[in-house]
Amino acid sequence: MSKIGKSDRICLNNKNRMIIDHLSNAEKYFCLHPLFKQAFEYIQSTDLNAIEPGKFEINEDKLRAAISNKQGRAAEEALAKFECHDRHIDIQLCISGKETIAWKARSACKQLEGGYDTEKDVSFFKDKPDMYFQLEDGQFAVFFPGDVHAPMIGEEEIKKLVVKVKM
C-alpha cells in the first residue's frame, strides 16, 4: 500500500471548493487540475511586479492570464457583478495591495440576474454573499464553477493577476 502525502490529501478531500492560500503553497494544488501546474509555474516564473496590465495567452485556449492595476471599488459596486463561470476556473492572485472578495456557494444562490452568457462564460447573481475575505501580496484564491465571487473590493490600488483555466 502506498503512502499518501499531505498534498495528495488535499486532492482526495477537495470537492472543488474555493481555495485561499499563499503562492508559496501552490504546489499542493497541482493535482486538482491537469493545467494547474502550468498555471502556477507561469505565475512563479513571471516578474509580476514589472509586468504591465494586459491579457496574455499561456497555453492557447486552455490558459489565459489578465493583469490589472486598478483602484479598488466599493462592495456595492463589486456585487453588481457577483459572478461565476461554467467552463473556467479562476486563479486570482493579489500582486500588491489589499483586495477584499465576496463569496457565496452557487448552490445557495437563488437570484440569477439574466441568463448565462456563453460567449463570456459568466452568470451573475443578485444574492448577498455569505462571506468576505481579504487577499494581500502573494495570496491567491481559486474559484471553481460552484463559487460565486465579487472581487476588487478595496480602498486602494490593487494589482492582480487572474488566470483562466479551461475545464
C-alpha atoms as a PDB file:
ATOM      1  CA  MET A   1       0.000   0.000   0.000  1.00  0.00           C
ATOM      2  CA  SER A   2       1.397   3.402  -0.951  1.00  0.00           C
ATOM      3  CA  LYS A   3       1.690   6.305   1.437  1.00  0.00           C
ATOM      4  CA  ILE A   4      -0.435   9.383   0.899  1.00  0.00           C
ATOM      5  CA  GLY A   5       1.451  12.658   1.205  1.00  0.00           C
ATOM      6  CA  LYS A   6      -0.004  15.915   2.506  1.00  0.00           C
ATOM      7  CA  SER A   7      -0.575  17.327  -0.981  1.00  0.00           C
ATOM      8  CA  ASP A   8      -2.354  14.117  -2.011  1.00  0.00           C
ATOM      9  CA  ARG A   9      -4.789  14.515   0.885  1.00  0.00           C
ATOM     10  CA  ILE A  10      -5.794  17.893  -0.496  1.00  0.00           C
ATOM     11  CA  CYS A  11      -6.684  16.276  -3.804  1.00  0.00           C
ATOM     12  CA  LEU A  12      -8.507  13.363  -2.220  1.00  0.00           C
ATOM     13  CA  ASN A  13     -10.573  15.610   0.042  1.00  0.00           C
ATOM     14  CA  ASN A  14     -11.248  18.514  -2.308  1.00  0.00           C
ATOM     15  CA  LYS A  15     -14.686  18.605  -3.858  1.00  0.00           C
ATOM     16  CA  ASN A  16     -13.932  21.662  -5.987  1.00  0.00           C
ATOM     17  CA  ARG A  17     -14.387  24.152  -3.175  1.00  0.00           C
ATOM     18  CA  MET A  18     -12.888  27.606  -3.170  1.00  0.00           C
ATOM     19  CA  ILE A  19      -9.260  27.721  -2.050  1.00  0.00           C
ATOM     20  CA  ILE A  20      -7.450  30.583  -0.308  1.00  0.00           C
ATOM     21  CA  ASP A  21      -3.703  30.248   0.189  1.00  0.00           C
ATOM     22  CA  HIS A  22      -0.281  31.794  -0.333  1.00  0.00           C
ATOM     23  CA  LEU A  23       1.687  31.353  -3.548  1.00  0.00           C
ATOM     24  CA  SER A  24       4.423  29.551  -1.604  1.00  0.00           C
ATOM     25  CA  ASN A  25       1.953  26.647  -1.190  1.00  0.00           C
ATOM     26  CA  ALA A  26       0.852  26.452  -4.834  1.00  0.00           C
ATOM     27  CA  GLU A  27       2.450  23.042  -5.424  1.00  0.00           C
ATOM     28  CA  LYS A  28      -0.104  21.454  -3.088  1.00  0.00           C
ATOM     29  CA  TYR A  29      -2.818  22.167  -5.648  1.00  0.00           C
ATOM     30  CA  PHE A  30      -1.172  20.867  -8.841  1.00  0.00           C
ATOM     31  CA  CYS A  31      -3.152  17.632  -8.553  1.00  0.00           C
ATOM     32  CA  LEU A  32      -6.551  19.362  -8.679  1.00  0.00           C
ATOM     33  CA  HIS A  33      -6.488  20.031 -12.416  1.00  0.00           C
ATOM     34  CA  PRO A  34      -4.109  18.971 -15.210  1.00  0.00           C
ATOM     35  CA  LEU A  35      -3.350  22.625 -16.047  1.00  0.00           C
ATOM     36  CA  PHE A  36      -2.750  23.910 -12.501  1.00  0.00           C
ATOM     37  CA  LYS A  37       0.948  23.062 -12.538  1.00  0.00           C
ATOM     38  CA  GLN A  38       1.464  25.012 -15.757  1.00  0.00           C
ATOM     39  CA  ALA A  39      -0.646  27.919 -14.462  1.00  0.00           C
ATOM     40  CA  PHE A  40       1.274  28.222 -11.199  1.00  0.00           C
ATOM     41  CA  GLU A  41       4.637  27.772 -12.947  1.00  0.00           C
ATOM     42  CA  TYR A  42       3.693  30.694 -15.221  1.00  0.00           C
ATOM     43  CA  ILE A  43       2.813  32.790 -12.182  1.00  0.00           C
ATOM     44  CA  GLN A  44       6.024  31.915 -10.355  1.00  0.00           C
ATOM     45  CA  SER A  45       8.278  32.456 -13.393  1.00  0.00           C
ATOM     46  CA  THR A  46       6.824  35.861 -14.319  1.00  0.00           C
ATOM     47  CA  ASP A  47       8.045  39.119 -12.796  1.00  0.00           C
ATOM     48  CA  LEU A  48       4.549  40.169 -11.768  1.00  0.00           C
ATOM     49  CA  ASN A  49       5.678  43.483 -10.280  1.00  0.00           C
ATOM     50  CA  ALA A  50       7.212  44.570 -13.588  1.00  0.00           C
ATOM     51  CA  ILE A  51       4.574  43.255 -15.998  1.00  0.00           C
ATOM     52  CA  GLU A  52       2.186  45.805 -17.472  1.00  0.00           C
ATOM     53  CA  PRO A  53      -1.592  45.345 -17.366  1.00  0.00           C
ATOM     54  CA  GLY A  54      -2.989  43.338 -20.248  1.00  0.00           C
ATOM     55  CA  LYS A  55      -4.098  39.908 -21.415  1.00  0.00           C
ATOM     56  CA  PHE A  56      -1.751  37.031 -22.180  1.00  0.00           C
ATOM     57  CA  GLU A  57      -2.118  33.561 -23.683  1.00  0.00           C
ATOM     58  CA  ILE A  58      -0.274  30.923 -21.665  1.00  0.00           C
ATOM     59  CA  ASN A  59      -1.475  27.772 -23.420  1.00  0.00           C
ATOM     60  CA  GLU A  60      -3.587  28.524 -26.481  1.00  0.00           C
ATOM     61  CA  ASP A  61      -7.247  28.425 -25.425  1.00  0.00           C
ATOM     62  CA  LYS A  62      -6.623  26.422 -22.234  1.00  0.00           C
ATOM     63  CA  LEU A  63      -4.849  29.002 -20.034  1.00  0.00           C
ATOM     64  CA  ARG A  64      -5.216  32.767 -20.265  1.00  0.00           C
ATOM     65  CA  ALA A  65      -3.904  35.448 -17.935  1.00  0.00           C
ATOM     66  CA  ALA A  66      -5.032  39.009 -17.308  1.00  0.00           C
ATOM     67  CA  ILE A  67      -3.076  41.538 -15.266  1.00  0.00           C
ATOM     68  CA  SER A  68      -4.902  44.578 -13.929  1.00  0.00           C
ATOM     69  CA  ASN A  69      -3.824  47.519 -11.810  1.00  0.00           C
ATOM     70  CA  LYS A  70      -6.940  49.404 -10.720  1.00  0.00           C
ATOM     71  CA  GLN A  71      -8.419  51.313  -7.864  1.00  0.00           C
ATOM     72  CA  GLY A  72     -10.430  49.082  -5.533  1.00  0.00           C
ATOM     73  CA  ARG A  73     -14.171  49.647  -5.513  1.00  0.00           C
ATOM     74  CA  ALA A  74     -16.996  49.722  -3.002  1.00  0.00           C
ATOM     75  CA  ALA A  75     -18.648  46.423  -2.112  1.00  0.00           C
ATOM     76  CA  GLU A  76     -21.968  47.549  -3.621  1.00  0.00           C
ATOM     77  CA  GLU A  77     -20.277  48.242  -6.952  1.00  0.00           C
ATOM     78  CA  ALA A  78     -18.449  44.903  -6.947  1.00  0.00           C
ATOM     79  CA  LEU A  79     -21.612  42.987  -6.014  1.00  0.00           C
ATOM     80  CA  ALA A  80     -23.317  44.363  -9.131  1.00  0.00           C
ATOM     81  CA  LYS A  81     -21.160  41.726 -10.867  1.00  0.00           C
ATOM     82  CA  PHE A  82     -21.447  38.831  -8.384  1.00  0.00           C
ATOM     83  CA  GLU A  83     -20.294  36.206 -10.868  1.00  0.00           C
ATOM     84  CA  CYS A  84     -19.436  32.599 -11.539  1.00  0.00           C
ATOM     85  CA  HIS A  85     -18.283  30.590 -14.541  1.00  0.00           C
ATOM     86  CA  ASP A  86     -19.246  27.244 -16.064  1.00  0.00           C
ATOM     87  CA  ARG A  87     -16.249  26.424 -18.262  1.00  0.00           C
ATOM     88  CA  HIS A  88     -13.344  28.046 -16.425  1.00  0.00           C
ATOM     89  CA  ILE A  89     -11.679  28.018 -13.045  1.00  0.00           C
ATOM     90  CA  ASP A  90     -10.263  31.354 -11.855  1.00  0.00           C
ATOM     91  CA  ILE A  91      -6.941  31.565 -10.073  1.00  0.00           C
ATOM     92  CA  GLN A  92      -6.888  35.112  -8.699  1.00  0.00           C
ATOM     93  CA  LEU A  93      -3.604  36.334  -7.237  1.00  0.00           C
ATOM     94  CA  CYS A  94      -3.084  39.597  -5.385  1.00  0.00           C
ATOM     95  CA  ILE A  95       0.222  41.024  -6.602  1.00  0.00           C
ATOM     96  CA  SER A  96       0.073  44.185  -4.492  1.00  0.00           C
ATOM     97  CA  GLY A  97      -2.482  45.958  -2.376  1.00  0.00           C
ATOM     98  CA  LYS A  98      -5.281  44.618  -0.205  1.00  0.00           C
ATOM     99  CA  GLU A  99      -8.205  43.104  -2.050  1.00  0.00           C
ATOM    100  CA  THR A 100     -11.444  42.034  -0.431  1.00  0.00           C
ATOM    101  CA  ILE A 101     -13.542  39.434  -2.249  1.00  0.00           C
ATOM    102  CA  ALA A 102     -17.164  38.464  -1.605  1.00  0.00           C
ATOM    103  CA  TRP A 103     -18.153  34.780  -1.902  1.00  0.00           C
ATOM    104  CA  LYS A 104     -21.180  32.501  -1.799  1.00  0.00           C
ATOM    105  CA  ALA A 105     -21.731  28.916  -2.876  1.00  0.00           C
ATOM    106  CA  ARG A 106     -23.540  28.802  -6.211  1.00  0.00           C
ATOM    107  CA  SER A 107     -25.873  26.118  -4.844  1.00  0.00           C
ATOM    108  CA  ALA A 108     -27.115  28.641  -2.256  1.00  0.00           C
ATOM    109  CA  CYS A 109     -27.778  31.393  -4.802  1.00  0.00           C
ATOM    110  CA  LYS A 110     -31.405  31.878  -5.807  1.00  0.00           C
ATOM    111  CA  GLN A 111     -31.430  35.175  -7.704  1.00  0.00           C
ATOM    112  CA  LEU A 112     -29.932  34.680 -11.162  1.00  0.00           C
ATOM    113  CA  GLU A 113     -29.675  38.019 -12.960  1.00  0.00           C
ATOM    114  CA  GLY A 114     -30.339  37.478 -16.645  1.00  0.00           C
ATOM    115  CA  GLY A 115     -29.066  34.293 -18.197  1.00  0.00           C
ATOM    116  CA  TYR A 116     -25.751  32.584 -18.714  1.00  0.00           C
ATOM    117  CA  ASP A 117     -23.543  34.397 -21.247  1.00  0.00           C
ATOM    118  CA  THR A 118     -21.947  31.543 -23.204  1.00  0.00           C
ATOM    119  CA  GLU A 119     -19.510  33.812 -25.049  1.00  0.00           C
ATOM    120  CA  LYS A 120     -18.091  35.328 -21.849  1.00  0.00           C
ATOM    121  CA  ASP A 121     -18.689  32.206 -19.699  1.00  0.00           C
ATOM    122  CA  VAL A 122     -20.372  34.152 -16.924  1.00  0.00           C
ATOM    123  CA  SER A 123     -23.562  34.168 -14.875  1.00  0.00           C
ATOM    124  CA  PHE A 124     -24.463  36.956 -12.463  1.00  0.00           C
ATOM    125  CA  PHE A 125     -26.435  36.721  -9.252  1.00  0.00           C
ATOM    126  CA  LYS A 126     -28.207  39.306  -7.070  1.00  0.00           C
ATOM    127  CA  ASP A 127     -27.820  37.262  -3.880  1.00  0.00           C
ATOM    128  CA  LYS A 128     -25.951  38.605  -0.871  1.00  0.00           C
ATOM    129  CA  PRO A 129     -22.573  36.984  -0.176  1.00  0.00           C
ATOM    130  CA  ASP A 130     -22.101  34.597   2.730  1.00  0.00           C
ATOM    131  CA  MET A 131     -18.617  35.872   3.465  1.00  0.00           C
ATOM    132  CA  TYR A 132     -15.883  38.348   2.633  1.00  0.00           C
ATOM    133  CA  PHE A 133     -12.175  37.622   2.795  1.00  0.00           C
ATOM    134  CA  GLN A 134      -9.037  39.584   2.062  1.00  0.00           C
ATOM    135  CA  LEU A 135      -6.039  38.813  -0.129  1.00  0.00           C
ATOM    136  CA  GLU A 136      -2.701  40.568   0.230  1.00  0.00           C
ATOM    137  CA  ASP A 137       0.587  40.358  -1.670  1.00  0.00           C
ATOM    138  CA  GLY A 138       1.302  36.785  -2.762  1.00  0.00           C
ATOM    139  CA  GLN A 139      -2.040  35.330  -1.688  1.00  0.00           C
ATOM    140  CA  PHE A 140      -4.422  33.699  -4.138  1.00  0.00           C
ATOM    141  CA  ALA A 141      -7.927  32.324  -4.347  1.00  0.00           C
ATOM    142  CA  VAL A 142      -9.155  29.581  -6.675  1.00  0.00           C
ATOM    143  CA  PHE A 143     -12.784  29.828  -7.761  1.00  0.00           C
ATOM    144  CA  PHE A 144     -14.434  26.743  -9.240  1.00  0.00           C
ATOM    145  CA  PRO A 145     -17.786  26.822 -11.098  1.00  0.00           C
ATOM    146  CA  GLY A 146     -19.564  26.395  -7.744  1.00  0.00           C
ATOM    147  CA  ASP A 147     -18.085  29.633  -6.379  1.00  0.00           C
ATOM    148  CA  VAL A 148     -19.896  32.929  -6.903  1.00  0.00           C
ATOM    149  CA  HIS A 149     -17.481  35.778  -6.294  1.00  0.00           C
ATOM    150  CA  ALA A 150     -17.156  39.559  -6.455  1.00  0.00           C
ATOM    151  CA  PRO A 151     -13.515  40.701  -6.471  1.00  0.00           C
ATOM    152  CA  MET A 152     -11.706  44.048  -6.393  1.00  0.00           C
ATOM    153  CA  ILE A 153     -13.305  45.437  -3.251  1.00  0.00           C
ATOM    154  CA  GLY A 154     -10.918  47.842  -1.602  1.00  0.00           C
ATOM    155  CA  GLU A 155      -9.922  51.397  -0.836  1.00  0.00           C
ATOM    156  CA  GLU A 156      -6.536  51.448  -2.537  1.00  0.00           C
ATOM    157  CA  GLU A 157      -4.967  50.468  -5.833  1.00  0.00           C
ATOM    158  CA  ILE A 158      -4.902  46.710  -6.383  1.00  0.00           C
ATOM    159  CA  LYS A 159      -2.606  44.939  -8.811  1.00  0.00           C
ATOM    160  CA  LYS A 160      -3.772  41.429  -9.525  1.00  0.00           C
ATOM    161  CA  LEU A 161      -3.449  38.500 -11.882  1.00  0.00           C
ATOM    162  CA  VAL A 162      -6.347  36.310 -12.964  1.00  0.00           C
ATOM    163  CA  VAL A 163      -5.555  33.044 -14.708  1.00  0.00           C
ATOM    164  CA  LYS A 164      -8.498  31.423 -16.502  1.00  0.00           C
ATOM    165  CA  VAL A 165      -8.118  27.639 -16.512  1.00  0.00           C
ATOM    166  CA  LYS A 166     -10.329  25.843 -19.016  1.00  0.00           C
ATOM    167  CA  MET A 167     -12.291  22.944 -17.535  1.00  0.00           C
END
